[in-house]
C-alpha atoms as a PDB file:
ATOM      1  CA  MET A   1      -8.418 -22.989  22.863  1.00  0.00           C
ATOM      2  CA  LYS A   2      -5.226 -22.077  21.023  1.00  0.00           C
ATOM      3  CA  LEU A   3      -7.152 -21.748  17.744  1.00  0.00           C
ATOM      4  CA  LEU A   4      -9.674 -19.350  19.291  1.00  0.00           C
ATOM      5  CA  LEU A   5      -6.849 -17.255  20.715  1.00  0.00           C
ATOM      6  CA  ARG A   6      -5.191 -17.084  17.296  1.00  0.00           C
ATOM      7  CA  ILE A   7      -8.463 -15.976  15.703  1.00  0.00           C
ATOM      8  CA  VAL A   8      -8.972 -13.227  18.287  1.00  0.00           C
ATOM      9  CA  VAL A   9      -5.358 -12.047  17.950  1.00  0.00           C
ATOM     10  CA  THR A  10      -5.687 -11.953  14.162  1.00  0.00           C
ATOM     11  CA  ALA A  11      -8.978 -10.053  14.446  1.00  0.00           C
ATOM     12  CA  LEU A  12      -7.374  -7.493  16.771  1.00  0.00           C
ATOM     13  CA  LEU A  13      -4.445  -7.079  14.389  1.00  0.00           C
ATOM     14  CA  VAL A  14      -6.824  -6.659  11.444  1.00  0.00           C
ATOM     15  CA  MET A  15      -8.649  -3.908  13.345  1.00  0.00           C
ATOM     16  CA  VAL A  16      -5.454  -2.107  14.335  1.00  0.00           C
ATOM     17  CA  ILE A  17      -3.895  -2.309  10.877  1.00  0.00           C
ATOM     18  CA  SER A  18      -7.089  -1.116   9.176  1.00  0.00           C
ATOM     19  CA  TYR A  19      -7.270   1.817  11.591  1.00  0.00           C
ATOM     20  CA  PHE A  20      -3.798   3.041  10.636  1.00  0.00           C
ATOM     21  CA  MET A  21      -3.781   2.066   6.961  1.00  0.00           C
ATOM     22  CA  LYS A  22      -5.522   3.873   4.141  1.00  0.00           C
ATOM     23  CA  GLY A  23      -7.242   1.628   1.653  1.00  0.00           C
ATOM     24  CA  VAL A  24      -8.414  -1.011   4.140  1.00  0.00           C
ATOM     25  CA  VAL A  25     -11.711  -0.626   6.003  1.00  0.00           C
ATOM     26  CA  VAL A  26     -13.191  -2.925   8.652  1.00  0.00           C
ATOM     27  CA  ASP A  27     -16.652  -1.929   9.895  1.00  0.00           C
ATOM     28  CA  GLN A  28     -16.626  -3.503  13.355  1.00  0.00           C
ATOM     29  CA  PHE A  29     -14.917  -6.109  15.511  1.00  0.00           C
ATOM     30  CA  THR A  30     -17.316  -8.897  14.542  1.00  0.00           C
ATOM     31  CA  THR A  31     -16.372  -8.245  10.925  1.00  0.00           C
ATOM     32  CA  ALA A  32     -12.714  -8.539  11.911  1.00  0.00           C
ATOM     33  CA  LEU A  33     -13.478 -11.891  13.583  1.00  0.00           C
ATOM     34  CA  ILE A  34     -15.146 -13.091  10.385  1.00  0.00           C
ATOM     35  CA  VAL A  35     -12.152 -11.839   8.377  1.00  0.00           C
ATOM     36  CA  ALA A  36      -9.803 -13.799  10.655  1.00  0.00           C
ATOM     37  CA  VAL A  37     -11.814 -17.003  10.186  1.00  0.00           C
ATOM     38  CA  VAL A  38     -12.152 -16.552   6.409  1.00  0.00           C
ATOM     39  CA  LEU A  39      -8.418 -15.769   6.078  1.00  0.00           C
ATOM     40  CA  GLY A  40      -7.636 -18.933   7.995  1.00  0.00           C
ATOM     41  CA  LEU A  41      -9.895 -21.014   5.763  1.00  0.00           C
ATOM     42  CA  LEU A  42      -8.539 -19.442   2.576  1.00  0.00           C
ATOM     43  CA  ASN A  43      -4.965 -19.992   3.746  1.00  0.00           C
ATOM     44  CA  PHE A  44      -5.767 -23.619   4.526  1.00  0.00           C
ATOM     45  CA  PHE A  45      -7.740 -24.546   1.400  1.00  0.00           C
ATOM     46  CA  VAL A  46      -6.966 -22.093  -1.420  1.00  0.00           C
ATOM     47  CA  LYS A  47      -3.379 -20.997  -0.805  1.00  0.00           C
ATOM     48  CA  PRO A  48      -1.808 -24.459  -1.307  1.00  0.00           C
ATOM     49  CA  ILE A  49      -3.561 -24.761  -4.666  1.00  0.00           C
ATOM     50  CA  LEU A  50      -2.333 -21.321  -5.743  1.00  0.00           C
ATOM     51  CA  VAL A  51       1.194 -22.141  -4.596  1.00  0.00           C
ATOM     52  CA  LEU A  52       1.133 -25.401  -6.540  1.00  0.00           C
ATOM     53  CA  PHE A  53      -0.074 -23.748  -9.754  1.00  0.00           C
ATOM     54  CA  THR A  54       2.436 -20.910  -9.495  1.00  0.00           C
ATOM     55  CA  LEU A  55       5.400 -23.002  -8.356  1.00  0.00           C
ATOM     56  CA  PRO A  56       7.617 -22.223 -11.385  1.00  0.00           C
ATOM     57  CA  VAL A  57       7.065 -18.476 -10.966  1.00  0.00           C
ATOM     58  CA  THR A  58       7.640 -18.738  -7.224  1.00  0.00           C
ATOM     59  CA  VAL A  59      10.916 -20.591  -7.732  1.00  0.00           C
ATOM     60  CA  PHE A  60      12.011 -18.141 -10.435  1.00  0.00           C
ATOM     61  CA  THR A  61      11.335 -15.148  -8.143  1.00  0.00           C
ATOM     62  CA  LEU A  62      13.018 -16.890  -5.183  1.00  0.00           C
ATOM     63  CA  GLY A  63       9.763 -16.995  -3.224  1.00  0.00           C
ATOM     64  CA  LEU A  64       8.773 -13.351  -3.647  1.00  0.00           C
ATOM     65  CA  PHE A  65       5.705 -14.372  -5.636  1.00  0.00           C
ATOM     66  CA  LEU A  66       4.273 -15.727  -2.369  1.00  0.00           C
ATOM     67  CA  LEU A  67       3.662 -12.084  -1.420  1.00  0.00           C
ATOM     68  CA  VAL A  68       1.444 -11.771  -4.494  1.00  0.00           C
ATOM     69  CA  ILE A  69      -0.408 -14.928  -3.468  1.00  0.00           C
ATOM     70  CA  ASN A  70      -0.971 -13.449   0.004  1.00  0.00           C
ATOM     71  CA  ALA A  71      -2.392 -10.287  -1.588  1.00  0.00           C
ATOM     72  CA  ILE A  72      -4.711 -12.423  -3.723  1.00  0.00           C
ATOM     73  CA  ILE A  73      -5.910 -14.199  -0.566  1.00  0.00           C
ATOM     74  CA  ILE A  74      -6.658 -10.799   1.036  1.00  0.00           C
ATOM     75  CA  LEU A  75      -8.587  -9.725  -2.078  1.00  0.00           C
ATOM     76  CA  LEU A  76     -10.563 -12.984  -2.016  1.00  0.00           C
ATOM     77  CA  CYS A  77     -11.396 -12.331   1.630  1.00  0.00           C
ATOM     78  CA  ASP A  78     -12.545  -8.827   0.643  1.00  0.00           C
ATOM     79  CA  HIS A  79     -14.837 -10.425  -1.921  1.00  0.00           C
ATOM     80  CA  PHE A  80     -16.410 -12.857   0.562  1.00  0.00           C
ATOM     81  CA  VAL A  81     -16.762 -10.679   3.688  1.00  0.00           C
ATOM     82  CA  ASP A  82     -19.154  -7.737   3.797  1.00  0.00           C
ATOM     83  CA  GLY A  83     -17.804  -4.843   5.831  1.00  0.00           C
ATOM     84  CA  PHE A  84     -14.189  -5.597   4.884  1.00  0.00           C
ATOM     85  CA  ASP A  85     -13.042  -3.444   1.994  1.00  0.00           C
ATOM     86  CA  VAL A  86      -9.622  -3.299   0.355  1.00  0.00           C
ATOM     87  CA  ASP A  87      -9.110  -0.657  -2.337  1.00  0.00           C
ATOM     88  CA  GLY A  88      -6.900  -2.687  -4.637  1.00  0.00           C
ATOM     89  CA  PHE A  89      -3.879  -4.874  -5.125  1.00  0.00           C
ATOM     90  CA  TRP A  90      -1.237  -2.618  -3.538  1.00  0.00           C
ATOM     91  CA  PRO A  91      -3.164  -1.984  -0.296  1.00  0.00           C
ATOM     92  CA  ALA A  92      -3.842  -5.746  -0.133  1.00  0.00           C
ATOM     93  CA  LEU A  93      -0.140  -6.481  -0.595  1.00  0.00           C
ATOM     94  CA  ILE A  94       0.924  -4.012   2.090  1.00  0.00           C
ATOM     95  CA  PHE A  95      -1.850  -5.207   4.421  1.00  0.00           C
ATOM     96  CA  SER A  96      -0.800  -8.846   4.014  1.00  0.00           C
ATOM     97  CA  ILE A  97       2.852  -8.033   4.702  1.00  0.00           C
ATOM     98  CA  ILE A  98       2.044  -5.998   7.818  1.00  0.00           C
ATOM     99  CA  LEU A  99      -0.408  -8.634   9.072  1.00  0.00           C
ATOM    100  CA  SER A 100       2.099 -11.459   8.580  1.00  0.00           C
ATOM    101  CA  LEU A 101       4.901  -9.567  10.301  1.00  0.00           C
ATOM    102  CA  SER A 102       2.720  -8.468  13.209  1.00  0.00           C
ATOM    103  CA  GLN A 103       1.346 -11.989  13.695  1.00  0.00           C
ATOM    104  CA  SER A 104       4.883 -13.361  13.770  1.00  0.00           C
ATOM    105  CA  LEU A 105       5.930 -10.712  16.279  1.00  0.00           C
ATOM    106  CA  VAL A 106       2.949 -11.320  18.563  1.00  0.00           C
ATOM    107  CA  TYR A 107       3.401 -15.098  18.494  1.00  0.00           C
ATOM    108  CA  GLN A 108       7.139 -14.781  19.191  1.00  0.00           C
ATOM    109  CA  LEU A 109       6.543 -12.405  22.101  1.00  0.00           C
ATOM    110  CA  SER A 110       3.852 -14.672  23.561  1.00  0.00           C
ATOM    111  CA  GLY A 111       6.132 -17.690  23.351  1.00  0.00           C
ATOM    112  CA  GLU A 112       3.781 -19.535  21.018  1.00  0.00           C
ATOM    113  CA  GLY A 113       6.285 -19.460  18.185  1.00  0.00           C
ATOM    114  CA  LYS A 114       8.883 -21.461  20.138  1.00  0.00           C
ATOM    115  CA  LYS A 115       8.420 -25.176  19.589  1.00  0.00           C
END
């Protein structure tokens, strides 16, 4: 149940952020649900591999390269999901930062972040 709630919250945040942000387009809510699922799968399977391969760069930049990895994950999601369009690297980077911060805020306010 908690996983489904996280997917719906992420989908809602994707819709809201795309509404206010130029360069990111989501056609409809079902597309946002698919984006939330694909982002979760990419973060689970692909992101650890990218982090492992880029570990020296990540250490050298004191972790800031993880923002680039998040943008790459967003661009991969754009590639896999029809109806979700990101105009380039910089909109993907800004979108990933806003999405991460808003997810953290929502989970802290709901009490889910406290464990």
